[in-house]
Amino acid sequence: MSANTLGIVIDPAVCTGCGLCVRVCPSDIISVHNNLARLTAADPCLYCGHCMAVCPPQAIYLPELDKDAGCFSFIDLDPAWLPPGTGPGKDLVRLIASRRSCRNFTGQPVEKHQLDDLIKLATWAPSGTNSQAWTFTCLGSRTQVLALGLSIKDFFKKLNKRAENRVLRKFLAFFGARALDRYFRNHYETVKIAIEQMETRNRDRLFHGAPALILVGSGPDASCPQEDALLAAGNILLGAHIMGLGSCLIGFAVAAMAADAAIQQNLGIPATEKIYAAIALGYPDETFQTITGRKIPVTRFI
């Protein structure tokens, strides 16, 4: 058994030379010679694991891949691949339709192993060129969530102050910078009310009392950073529901961190990363009775 510079291991004592790994490799770096699979260095390996997953005698191994990625504290995962067209279809559709944004949480904390499981689920999402360059920053206590909320509240308080300046809004809009004017028209009033409630009534209008938060970002090596992060976030939302947790995407937190680098810096997140999703998590203090509907989407068949 030997490894190569790509980090892939092929055991010649086990390989049958069937060629299935050649067919599924997206980078065309595997070929069969003398009835044995071997590697070429024509393109870099994506570490997608297709070759490892398709090999009948399990002759291929990728040490780069996390061997514990399929180990969860809340469920025993059957490692056998589930072919398309099989599986609990009704339960999957019901899960997707039942997940709702939660804005009422109990005070029960979310345990670290639960956050670990959610991150593992997130990493099974697809990513551009299989870069898997996402990052996950966890705030596991209510105190940490509140501290971040205070920083974000202060940012929007300053932004509202700027937006109140009509002369500044019109001046910027005259030169094509219309973001402040759009913010004033679309968000100023609701943000003003939320800030007042946070300061006078101690009401958490940002994270809704959630005791935990996962910030999903992406590093500089991602080819589709925003798409990758949001696909990973989708896995977290569905996984949280299965684990008995409520979840809510907090767009205002993402906007504040994008506009004020100090917020991200105070969390110890490198400037080379960008946050694309903030997910509030906790045990839900609300119960729904039925699945509802969704708006009819714009759909085209071309």
Protein backbone atom coordinates (compact mmCIF):
# COMPACT_ATOMS: atom_id res chain seq x y z
CA MET A 1 0.00 0.00 0.00
CA SER A 2 1.48 3.35 -0.95
CA ALA A 3 0.49 7.00 -0.77
CA ASN A 4 1.32 9.71 -3.29
CA THR A 5 1.77 13.47 -3.33
CA LEU A 6 -1.99 13.88 -3.74
CA GLY A 7 -2.59 12.15 -0.42
CA ILE A 8 -4.57 9.25 -1.93
CA VAL A 9 -3.81 5.67 -0.95
CA ILE A 10 -4.51 2.74 -3.31
CA ASP A 11 -3.89 -0.75 -2.01
CA PRO A 12 -2.61 -2.90 -4.94
CA ALA A 13 -3.23 -6.05 -2.94
CA VAL A 14 -6.96 -5.25 -2.85
CA CYS A 15 -7.54 -3.35 -6.11
CA THR A 16 -9.23 -5.42 -8.85
CA GLY A 17 -8.72 -2.91 -11.66
CA CYS A 18 -12.45 -2.57 -12.29
CA GLY A 19 -12.07 1.04 -13.40
CA LEU A 20 -15.09 2.41 -11.55
CA CYS A 21 -12.88 4.99 -9.83
CA VAL A 22 -11.73 6.23 -13.25
CA ARG A 23 -15.34 6.85 -14.37
CA VAL A 24 -16.35 8.92 -11.34
CA CYS A 25 -13.16 10.98 -10.82
CA PRO A 26 -14.01 14.62 -11.72
CA SER A 27 -10.34 15.53 -12.16
CA ASP A 28 -9.32 12.58 -14.38
CA ILE A 29 -6.32 11.76 -12.21
CA ILE A 30 -6.91 7.98 -12.00
CA SER A 31 -6.20 5.42 -14.69
CA VAL A 32 -5.92 1.63 -14.86
CA HIS A 33 -2.68 -0.05 -15.96
CA ASN A 34 -1.93 -3.73 -15.75
CA ASN A 35 -5.31 -4.29 -14.06
CA LEU A 36 -4.46 -1.91 -11.21
CA ALA A 37 -5.68 1.61 -10.54
CA ARG A 38 -2.97 4.23 -10.34
CA LEU A 39 -2.78 8.00 -10.03
CA THR A 40 -1.55 10.67 -12.39
CA ALA A 41 -0.87 14.29 -11.47
CA ALA A 42 -2.58 15.94 -14.44
CA ASP A 43 -4.91 17.88 -12.14
CA PRO A 44 -5.07 18.43 -8.39
CA CYS A 45 -7.30 16.13 -6.38
CA LEU A 46 -10.57 17.66 -5.19
CA TYR A 47 -10.76 15.24 -2.23
CA CYS A 48 -14.40 14.62 -3.12
CA GLY A 49 -14.08 10.97 -2.10
CA HIS A 50 -15.92 9.67 -5.19
CA CYS A 51 -13.20 7.09 -5.87
CA MET A 52 -13.26 5.88 -2.28
CA ALA A 53 -17.07 5.72 -2.21
CA VAL A 54 -17.41 3.78 -5.48
CA CYS A 55 -14.67 1.18 -4.93
CA PRO A 56 -16.27 -2.29 -4.37
CA PRO A 57 -13.28 -3.87 -2.55
CA GLN A 58 -12.51 -0.64 -0.64
CA ALA A 59 -9.01 -0.42 -2.03
CA ILE A 60 -8.87 3.40 -1.97
CA TYR A 61 -8.41 5.59 1.09
CA LEU A 62 -8.06 9.36 1.45
CA PRO A 63 -6.29 10.25 4.72
CA GLU A 64 -7.17 13.90 4.11
CA LEU A 65 -10.84 13.15 4.81
CA ASP A 66 -12.12 13.28 8.39
CA LYS A 67 -12.77 9.69 9.46
CA ASP A 68 -15.20 10.96 12.14
CA ALA A 69 -17.30 13.06 9.73
CA GLY A 70 -20.06 10.44 9.90
CA CYS A 71 -19.98 10.00 13.68
CA PHE A 72 -22.77 11.83 15.51
CA SER A 73 -23.87 11.92 19.12
CA PHE A 74 -27.60 11.98 18.29
CA ILE A 75 -27.79 9.20 15.72
CA ASP A 76 -26.00 6.08 14.51
CA LEU A 77 -25.30 6.62 10.83
CA ASP A 78 -25.52 3.66 8.47
CA PRO A 79 -22.40 4.08 6.28
CA ALA A 80 -24.02 2.32 3.30
CA TRP A 81 -24.72 4.74 0.46
CA LEU A 82 -28.38 5.55 -0.13
CA PRO A 83 -29.09 5.34 -3.89
CA PRO A 84 -31.30 7.96 -5.58
CA GLY A 85 -34.97 7.07 -5.46
CA THR A 86 -34.70 5.26 -2.13
CA GLY A 87 -34.99 6.36 1.47
CA PRO A 88 -37.71 7.91 3.64
CA GLY A 89 -39.10 10.33 1.08
CA LYS A 90 -42.23 11.24 3.00
CA ASP A 91 -40.24 11.94 6.17
CA LEU A 92 -37.70 14.06 4.28
CA VAL A 93 -40.36 16.20 2.65
CA ARG A 94 -42.18 16.53 5.96
CA LEU A 95 -38.94 17.61 7.65
CA ILE A 96 -38.26 20.28 5.02
CA ALA A 97 -41.83 21.57 5.22
CA SER A 98 -41.92 21.51 9.03
CA ARG A 99 -38.76 23.50 9.71
CA ARG A 100 -39.68 27.05 10.64
CA SER A 101 -37.69 30.03 11.88
CA CYS A 102 -37.83 30.09 15.67
CA ARG A 103 -38.04 33.40 17.54
CA ASN A 104 -38.98 32.10 20.98
CA PHE A 105 -36.39 30.07 22.86
CA THR A 106 -36.29 28.53 26.31
CA GLY A 107 -33.30 29.22 28.51
CA GLN A 108 -31.92 25.70 28.13
CA PRO A 109 -28.35 25.82 26.80
CA VAL A 110 -27.18 24.05 23.67
CA GLU A 111 -24.42 21.55 24.41
CA LYS A 112 -21.06 21.59 22.64
CA HIS A 113 -21.55 18.10 21.20
CA GLN A 114 -24.76 19.33 19.56
CA LEU A 115 -22.91 22.19 17.89
CA ASP A 116 -20.22 19.72 16.79
CA ASP A 117 -22.87 17.50 15.21
CA LEU A 118 -24.43 20.43 13.37
CA ILE A 119 -21.07 21.43 11.93
CA LYS A 120 -20.47 17.86 10.78
CA LEU A 121 -23.83 17.91 9.02
CA ALA A 122 -22.92 21.23 7.42
CA THR A 123 -19.74 19.82 5.91
CA TRP A 124 -21.70 17.25 3.90
CA ALA A 125 -23.09 20.07 1.76
CA PRO A 126 -21.74 20.51 -1.77
CA SER A 127 -19.17 23.23 -2.45
CA GLY A 128 -17.69 24.78 -5.57
CA THR A 129 -14.80 22.65 -6.88
CA ASN A 130 -15.28 20.73 -3.62
CA SER A 131 -13.11 23.35 -1.92
CA GLN A 132 -14.88 22.88 1.45
CA ALA A 133 -13.34 26.18 2.50
CA TRP A 134 -16.16 27.10 4.88
CA THR A 135 -15.54 28.13 8.46
CA PHE A 136 -17.73 27.81 11.55
CA THR A 137 -17.52 30.10 14.57
CA CYS A 138 -19.62 28.97 17.54
CA LEU A 139 -20.92 31.09 20.38
CA GLY A 140 -22.05 28.51 22.89
CA SER A 141 -23.34 30.65 25.74
CA ARG A 142 -26.06 33.23 26.15
CA THR A 143 -23.47 35.68 27.52
CA GLN A 144 -21.44 35.46 24.31
CA VAL A 145 -24.54 35.87 22.15
CA LEU A 146 -25.60 38.94 24.13
CA ALA A 147 -22.14 40.50 23.80
CA LEU A 148 -22.24 40.11 20.03
CA GLY A 149 -25.79 41.46 19.99
CA LEU A 150 -24.64 44.58 21.83
CA SER A 151 -21.93 45.23 19.24
CA ILE A 152 -24.42 44.81 16.40
CA LYS A 153 -26.97 47.02 18.11
CA ASP A 154 -24.37 49.78 18.49
CA PHE A 155 -23.49 49.47 14.80
CA PHE A 156 -27.11 49.94 13.73
CA LYS A 157 -27.59 52.77 16.19
CA LYS A 158 -24.76 54.64 14.46
CA LEU A 159 -26.12 53.71 11.05
CA ASN A 160 -29.55 55.04 11.97
CA LYS A 161 -27.95 58.27 13.12
CA ARG A 162 -26.34 58.67 9.69
CA ALA A 163 -29.54 57.72 7.90
CA GLU A 164 -31.46 60.46 9.74
CA ASN A 165 -29.32 63.03 7.93
CA ARG A 166 -31.45 63.79 4.87
CA VAL A 167 -28.80 66.01 3.30
CA LEU A 168 -26.20 63.23 3.56
CA ARG A 169 -28.60 60.68 2.04
CA LYS A 170 -29.43 62.88 -0.94
CA PHE A 171 -25.81 63.91 -1.43
CA LEU A 172 -24.64 60.30 -1.60
CA ALA A 173 -27.55 59.33 -3.85
CA PHE A 174 -26.67 62.16 -6.25
CA PHE A 175 -23.30 60.51 -6.81
CA GLY A 176 -24.82 57.06 -7.26
CA ALA A 177 -24.29 55.77 -3.72
CA ARG A 178 -27.90 54.97 -2.87
CA ALA A 179 -27.36 52.34 -0.16
CA LEU A 180 -27.98 54.73 2.76
CA ASP A 181 -31.15 56.12 1.18
CA ARG A 182 -32.47 52.59 0.50
CA TYR A 183 -31.69 51.61 4.08
CA PHE A 184 -33.61 54.61 5.38
CA ARG A 185 -36.66 53.76 3.28
CA ASN A 186 -36.64 50.01 3.93
CA HIS A 187 -35.18 49.42 7.39
CA TYR A 188 -34.66 52.60 9.40
CA GLU A 189 -37.99 52.67 11.21
CA THR A 190 -38.11 48.98 12.15
CA VAL A 191 -34.49 49.07 13.33
CA LYS A 192 -35.22 52.18 15.40
CA ILE A 193 -38.11 50.41 17.14
CA ALA A 194 -36.00 47.31 17.73
CA ILE A 195 -33.20 49.35 19.28
CA GLU A 196 -35.65 51.13 21.58
CA GLN A 197 -37.10 47.79 22.73
CA MET A 198 -33.62 46.37 23.35
CA GLU A 199 -32.59 49.38 25.42
CA THR A 200 -35.81 50.14 27.33
CA ARG A 201 -37.51 46.75 27.62
CA ASN A 202 -34.48 44.46 27.58
CA ARG A 203 -36.04 42.59 24.68
CA ASP A 204 -33.67 40.70 22.39
CA ARG A 205 -34.94 41.73 18.97
CA LEU A 206 -31.80 40.44 17.22
CA PHE A 207 -31.18 36.87 18.42
CA HIS A 208 -34.59 36.39 20.11
CA GLY A 209 -33.15 34.99 23.33
CA ALA A 210 -31.15 32.23 21.63
CA PRO A 211 -28.45 30.69 23.86
CA ALA A 212 -26.15 29.71 20.97
CA LEU A 213 -25.07 30.95 17.58
CA ILE A 214 -23.15 29.51 14.64
CA LEU A 215 -21.53 31.92 12.20
CA VAL A 216 -20.93 30.28 8.83
CA GLY A 217 -18.18 31.84 6.77
CA SER A 218 -15.77 31.02 4.02
CA GLY A 219 -12.05 31.34 3.59
CA PRO A 220 -10.16 32.87 0.66
CA ASP A 221 -9.69 29.56 -1.18
CA ALA A 222 -13.37 28.99 -1.91
CA SER A 223 -14.45 29.28 -5.54
CA CYS A 224 -18.10 29.98 -4.63
CA PRO A 225 -17.82 31.28 -1.05
CA GLN A 226 -21.32 32.64 -0.48
CA GLU A 227 -23.07 29.72 -2.15
CA ASP A 228 -20.94 27.21 -0.23
CA ALA A 229 -21.65 28.83 3.12
CA LEU A 230 -25.40 29.08 2.54
CA LEU A 231 -25.65 25.46 1.40
CA ALA A 232 -23.84 24.44 4.58
CA ALA A 233 -26.20 26.65 6.60
CA GLY A 234 -29.17 24.84 5.06
CA ASN A 235 -27.89 21.54 6.43
CA ILE A 236 -27.57 23.11 9.87
CA LEU A 237 -31.17 24.37 9.80
CA LEU A 238 -32.58 20.95 8.93
CA GLY A 239 -30.24 19.13 11.31
CA ALA A 240 -31.22 21.41 14.19
CA HIS A 241 -34.89 20.55 13.69
CA ILE A 242 -34.15 16.81 13.83
CA MET A 243 -32.11 17.33 17.01
CA GLY A 244 -34.99 19.13 18.74
CA LEU A 245 -33.54 22.61 18.33
CA GLY A 246 -35.07 25.74 16.88
CA SER A 247 -33.11 27.88 14.46
CA CYS A 248 -33.29 31.29 12.84
CA LEU A 249 -31.12 32.97 10.22
CA ILE A 250 -30.15 36.48 11.37
CA GLY A 251 -29.46 38.60 8.31
CA PHE A 252 -28.91 41.83 10.25
CA ALA A 253 -25.94 40.22 12.02
CA VAL A 254 -24.34 39.29 8.68
CA ALA A 255 -24.87 42.82 7.32
CA ALA A 256 -23.32 44.43 10.39
CA MET A 257 -20.25 42.19 10.31
CA ALA A 258 -19.76 42.90 6.61
CA ALA A 259 -19.87 46.65 7.20
CA ASP A 260 -17.87 46.83 10.45
CA ALA A 261 -14.69 44.74 10.48
CA ALA A 262 -14.21 45.37 14.21
CA ILE A 263 -17.18 43.15 15.08
CA GLN A 264 -15.60 40.19 13.34
CA GLN A 265 -12.16 41.03 14.69
CA ASN A 266 -13.44 41.07 18.29
CA LEU A 267 -14.61 37.48 17.79
CA GLY A 268 -11.14 36.40 16.70
CA ILE A 269 -12.25 35.70 13.13
CA PRO A 270 -9.44 36.47 10.65
CA ALA A 271 -9.99 39.28 8.19
CA THR A 272 -9.40 36.79 5.34
CA GLU A 273 -12.73 35.14 6.17
CA LYS A 274 -16.17 36.51 5.39
CA ILE A 275 -19.34 35.63 7.27
CA TYR A 276 -22.35 34.74 5.12
CA ALA A 277 -24.82 33.27 7.63
CA ALA A 278 -25.59 33.73 11.31
CA ILE A 279 -27.79 30.99 12.78
CA ALA A 280 -29.42 31.47 16.18
CA LEU A 281 -29.98 28.15 17.96
CA GLY A 282 -31.79 26.96 21.06
CA TYR A 283 -34.62 24.83 22.36
CA PRO A 284 -37.88 26.22 20.95
CA ASP A 285 -40.50 27.69 23.23
CA GLU A 286 -43.23 27.37 20.61
CA THR A 287 -45.25 24.55 19.08
CA PHE A 288 -46.97 24.56 15.70
CA GLN A 289 -49.90 22.42 14.67
CA THR A 290 -49.67 21.98 10.93
CA ILE A 291 -47.61 22.47 7.79
CA THR A 292 -48.66 25.57 5.88
CA GLY A 293 -47.77 26.65 2.35
CA ARG A 294 -45.34 28.93 0.56
CA LYS A 295 -45.70 31.71 -1.96
CA ILE A 296 -46.03 30.52 -5.54
CA PRO A 297 -42.56 30.93 -7.05
CA VAL A 298 -41.65 32.41 -10.39
CA THR A 299 -41.02 29.29 -12.49
CA ARG A 300 -39.80 28.91 -16.07
CA PHE A 301 -39.44 25.81 -18.24
CA ILE A 302 -37.24 26.61 -21.22
